[in-house]
Amino acid sequence: MFTVDTPTHTWRKLYTAALREKEKQLIPWRIHRAEEALIARGRALFPATGEDDEEVQAIEDALFALRALRSCVRFRTAA
């Protein structure tokens, strides 16, 4: 079955890939790619404030989780 990637699907796919990455050396790259997609989607939604409040909240939550993941990766690398 062929599916079209929507902007929402794209950031969610990259976000999930970052959270599930098992190779330590790839985690920072995955986080960076997901953050880029999240920020681009957030900018696209900004002019339409109020229309996609649930997605805006999901983007904020995802960015927070990625920052926490990055912090954990840095902590483990430094230890």
N, C-alpha and C. Protein backbone atom coordinates (compact mmCIF):
# COMPACT_ATOMS: atom_id res chain seq x y z
N MET A 1 0.84 -1.18 0.00
CA MET A 1 0.00 0.00 0.00
C MET A 1 0.88 1.24 0.00
N PHE A 2 0.58 2.19 -0.83
CA PHE A 2 1.34 3.42 -0.97
C PHE A 2 0.76 4.49 -0.04
N THR A 3 1.63 5.10 0.75
CA THR A 3 1.17 6.18 1.63
C THR A 3 1.95 7.45 1.31
N VAL A 4 1.28 8.55 1.42
CA VAL A 4 1.91 9.85 1.20
C VAL A 4 2.31 10.42 2.54
N ASP A 5 3.56 10.86 2.64
CA ASP A 5 4.01 11.48 3.88
C ASP A 5 3.45 12.89 3.99
N THR A 6 2.67 13.12 5.01
CA THR A 6 2.19 14.45 5.30
C THR A 6 3.23 15.12 6.19
N PRO A 7 3.21 16.45 6.33
CA PRO A 7 4.16 17.09 7.25
C PRO A 7 4.08 16.53 8.67
N THR A 8 2.87 16.24 9.13
CA THR A 8 2.69 15.67 10.47
C THR A 8 3.30 14.28 10.54
N HIS A 9 3.04 13.48 9.54
CA HIS A 9 3.58 12.12 9.51
C HIS A 9 5.10 12.14 9.46
N THR A 10 5.67 13.07 8.71
CA THR A 10 7.13 13.15 8.57
C THR A 10 7.80 13.43 9.91
N TRP A 11 7.35 14.46 10.65
CA TRP A 11 8.03 14.75 11.91
C TRP A 11 7.81 13.64 12.92
N ARG A 12 6.62 13.06 12.91
CA ARG A 12 6.36 11.96 13.86
C ARG A 12 7.25 10.75 13.56
N LYS A 13 7.45 10.46 12.27
CA LYS A 13 8.30 9.33 11.88
C LYS A 13 9.74 9.58 12.31
N LEU A 14 10.26 10.78 12.08
CA LEU A 14 11.63 11.10 12.47
C LEU A 14 11.79 11.13 14.00
N TYR A 15 10.80 11.65 14.69
CA TYR A 15 10.80 11.69 16.15
C TYR A 15 10.84 10.27 16.72
N THR A 16 9.98 9.40 16.21
CA THR A 16 9.94 8.02 16.67
C THR A 16 11.26 7.30 16.38
N ALA A 17 11.84 7.57 15.22
CA ALA A 17 13.13 6.95 14.87
C ALA A 17 14.22 7.39 15.85
N ALA A 18 14.19 8.65 16.26
CA ALA A 18 15.18 9.14 17.22
C ALA A 18 15.01 8.44 18.57
N LEU A 19 13.79 8.28 19.00
CA LEU A 19 13.54 7.64 20.30
C LEU A 19 13.89 6.16 20.29
N ARG A 20 13.76 5.53 19.15
CA ARG A 20 13.99 4.08 19.06
C ARG A 20 15.39 3.69 18.60
N GLU A 21 16.20 4.67 18.24
CA GLU A 21 17.55 4.36 17.73
C GLU A 21 18.35 3.61 18.79
N LYS A 22 18.99 2.53 18.38
CA LYS A 22 19.76 1.72 19.30
C LYS A 22 21.26 1.94 19.17
N GLU A 23 21.70 2.42 18.03
CA GLU A 23 23.12 2.67 17.83
C GLU A 23 23.47 4.04 18.41
N LYS A 24 24.27 4.04 19.45
CA LYS A 24 24.57 5.27 20.18
C LYS A 24 25.13 6.37 19.29
N GLN A 25 25.96 6.01 18.33
CA GLN A 25 26.56 7.02 17.48
C GLN A 25 25.56 7.67 16.52
N LEU A 26 24.41 7.03 16.29
CA LEU A 26 23.40 7.59 15.40
C LEU A 26 22.36 8.44 16.13
N ILE A 27 22.28 8.31 17.43
CA ILE A 27 21.24 9.03 18.19
C ILE A 27 21.33 10.55 17.99
N PRO A 28 22.50 11.18 18.13
CA PRO A 28 22.54 12.64 17.92
C PRO A 28 22.08 13.07 16.52
N TRP A 29 22.43 12.29 15.51
CA TRP A 29 22.01 12.60 14.14
C TRP A 29 20.49 12.49 14.01
N ARG A 30 19.94 11.42 14.59
CA ARG A 30 18.48 11.24 14.54
C ARG A 30 17.76 12.36 15.28
N ILE A 31 18.29 12.75 16.43
CA ILE A 31 17.69 13.86 17.19
C ILE A 31 17.70 15.13 16.35
N HIS A 32 18.83 15.41 15.72
CA HIS A 32 18.96 16.61 14.88
C HIS A 32 17.94 16.61 13.74
N ARG A 33 17.82 15.49 13.05
CA ARG A 33 16.86 15.39 11.94
C ARG A 33 15.43 15.59 12.43
N ALA A 34 15.09 14.99 13.56
CA ALA A 34 13.74 15.13 14.11
C ALA A 34 13.47 16.57 14.52
N GLU A 35 14.46 17.20 15.16
CA GLU A 35 14.29 18.61 15.57
C GLU A 35 14.08 19.52 14.37
N GLU A 36 14.83 19.29 13.31
CA GLU A 36 14.65 20.10 12.09
C GLU A 36 13.22 19.97 11.56
N ALA A 37 12.71 18.75 11.50
CA ALA A 37 11.36 18.53 11.01
C ALA A 37 10.31 19.14 11.93
N LEU A 38 10.53 19.02 13.24
CA LEU A 38 9.60 19.61 14.21
C LEU A 38 9.57 21.12 14.11
N ILE A 39 10.73 21.73 14.00
CA ILE A 39 10.80 23.19 13.92
C ILE A 39 10.17 23.68 12.62
N ALA A 40 10.43 22.98 11.52
CA ALA A 40 9.83 23.38 10.24
C ALA A 40 8.31 23.27 10.30
N ARG A 41 7.81 22.20 10.89
CA ARG A 41 6.36 22.04 11.01
C ARG A 41 5.77 23.10 11.94
N GLY A 42 6.46 23.38 13.03
CA GLY A 42 5.99 24.43 13.95
C GLY A 42 5.90 25.78 13.26
N ARG A 43 6.89 26.09 12.44
CA ARG A 43 6.87 27.35 11.69
C ARG A 43 5.73 27.39 10.70
N ALA A 44 5.45 26.25 10.08
CA ALA A 44 4.33 26.19 9.13
C ALA A 44 2.99 26.39 9.83
N LEU A 45 2.89 25.91 11.06
CA LEU A 45 1.64 26.04 11.81
C LEU A 45 1.48 27.40 12.47
N PHE A 46 2.56 28.12 12.68
CA PHE A 46 2.53 29.37 13.42
C PHE A 46 1.49 30.37 12.90
N PRO A 47 1.44 30.62 11.59
CA PRO A 47 0.43 31.58 11.11
C PRO A 47 -1.01 31.11 11.35
N ALA A 48 -1.21 29.81 11.48
CA ALA A 48 -2.55 29.26 11.63
C ALA A 48 -2.85 28.96 13.09
N THR A 49 -2.38 29.79 13.99
CA THR A 49 -2.57 29.56 15.42
C THR A 49 -4.04 29.32 15.73
N GLY A 50 -4.28 28.28 16.52
CA GLY A 50 -5.64 27.95 16.91
C GLY A 50 -6.26 26.84 16.10
N GLU A 51 -5.74 26.61 14.90
CA GLU A 51 -6.32 25.58 14.04
C GLU A 51 -5.82 24.19 14.39
N ASP A 52 -4.57 24.09 14.79
CA ASP A 52 -3.97 22.79 15.07
C ASP A 52 -3.33 22.77 16.46
N ASP A 53 -4.11 23.19 17.45
CA ASP A 53 -3.58 23.28 18.81
C ASP A 53 -3.03 21.95 19.31
N GLU A 54 -3.68 20.84 18.97
CA GLU A 54 -3.21 19.53 19.42
C GLU A 54 -1.85 19.21 18.82
N GLU A 55 -1.67 19.52 17.54
CA GLU A 55 -0.38 19.24 16.91
C GLU A 55 0.70 20.16 17.47
N VAL A 56 0.37 21.42 17.72
CA VAL A 56 1.34 22.34 18.30
C VAL A 56 1.80 21.83 19.66
N GLN A 57 0.88 21.36 20.48
CA GLN A 57 1.23 20.80 21.78
C GLN A 57 2.08 19.55 21.61
N ALA A 58 1.74 18.70 20.65
CA ALA A 58 2.53 17.49 20.40
C ALA A 58 3.95 17.85 19.96
N ILE A 59 4.10 18.89 19.17
CA ILE A 59 5.42 19.34 18.73
C ILE A 59 6.23 19.82 19.93
N GLU A 60 5.61 20.62 20.78
CA GLU A 60 6.31 21.10 21.98
C GLU A 60 6.74 19.94 22.87
N ASP A 61 5.86 18.97 23.04
CA ASP A 61 6.19 17.80 23.86
C ASP A 61 7.33 17.00 23.25
N ALA A 62 7.29 16.83 21.94
CA ALA A 62 8.33 16.08 21.25
C ALA A 62 9.68 16.78 21.36
N LEU A 63 9.70 18.10 21.19
CA LEU A 63 10.96 18.84 21.32
C LEU A 63 11.53 18.71 22.74
N PHE A 64 10.66 18.76 23.73
CA PHE A 64 11.09 18.59 25.11
C PHE A 64 11.70 17.20 25.31
N ALA A 65 11.04 16.18 24.79
CA ALA A 65 11.53 14.81 24.94
C ALA A 65 12.87 14.62 24.23
N LEU A 66 13.04 15.24 23.06
CA LEU A 66 14.32 15.13 22.35
C LEU A 66 15.44 15.83 23.11
N ARG A 67 15.14 16.96 23.74
CA ARG A 67 16.16 17.63 24.56
C ARG A 67 16.56 16.75 25.73
N ALA A 68 15.59 16.09 26.34
CA ALA A 68 15.90 15.18 27.45
C ALA A 68 16.74 14.01 26.96
N LEU A 69 16.39 13.46 25.80
CA LEU A 69 17.17 12.36 25.24
C LEU A 69 18.60 12.80 24.95
N ARG A 70 18.75 13.99 24.36
CA ARG A 70 20.10 14.51 24.07
C ARG A 70 20.90 14.65 25.37
N SER A 71 20.27 15.14 26.41
CA SER A 71 20.92 15.30 27.70
C SER A 71 21.37 13.95 28.24
N CYS A 72 20.54 12.96 28.14
CA CYS A 72 20.89 11.61 28.61
C CYS A 72 22.06 11.04 27.82
N VAL A 73 22.05 11.24 26.52
CA VAL A 73 23.12 10.72 25.66
C VAL A 73 24.45 11.41 26.03
N ARG A 74 24.41 12.72 26.25
CA ARG A 74 25.61 13.45 26.63
C ARG A 74 26.12 12.99 27.99
N PHE A 75 25.20 12.75 28.92
CA PHE A 75 25.58 12.31 30.26
C PHE A 75 26.27 10.94 30.20
N ARG A 76 25.69 10.03 29.41
CA ARG A 76 26.25 8.68 29.30
C ARG A 76 27.61 8.71 28.60
N THR A 77 27.76 9.58 27.62
CA THR A 77 29.01 9.70 26.90
C THR A 77 30.10 10.26 27.79
N ALA A 78 29.74 11.21 28.65
CA ALA A 78 30.71 11.84 29.55
C ALA A 78 31.11 10.92 30.69
N ALA A 79 30.25 10.03 31.06
CA ALA A 79 30.51 9.14 32.21
C ALA A 79 31.51 8.06 31.89
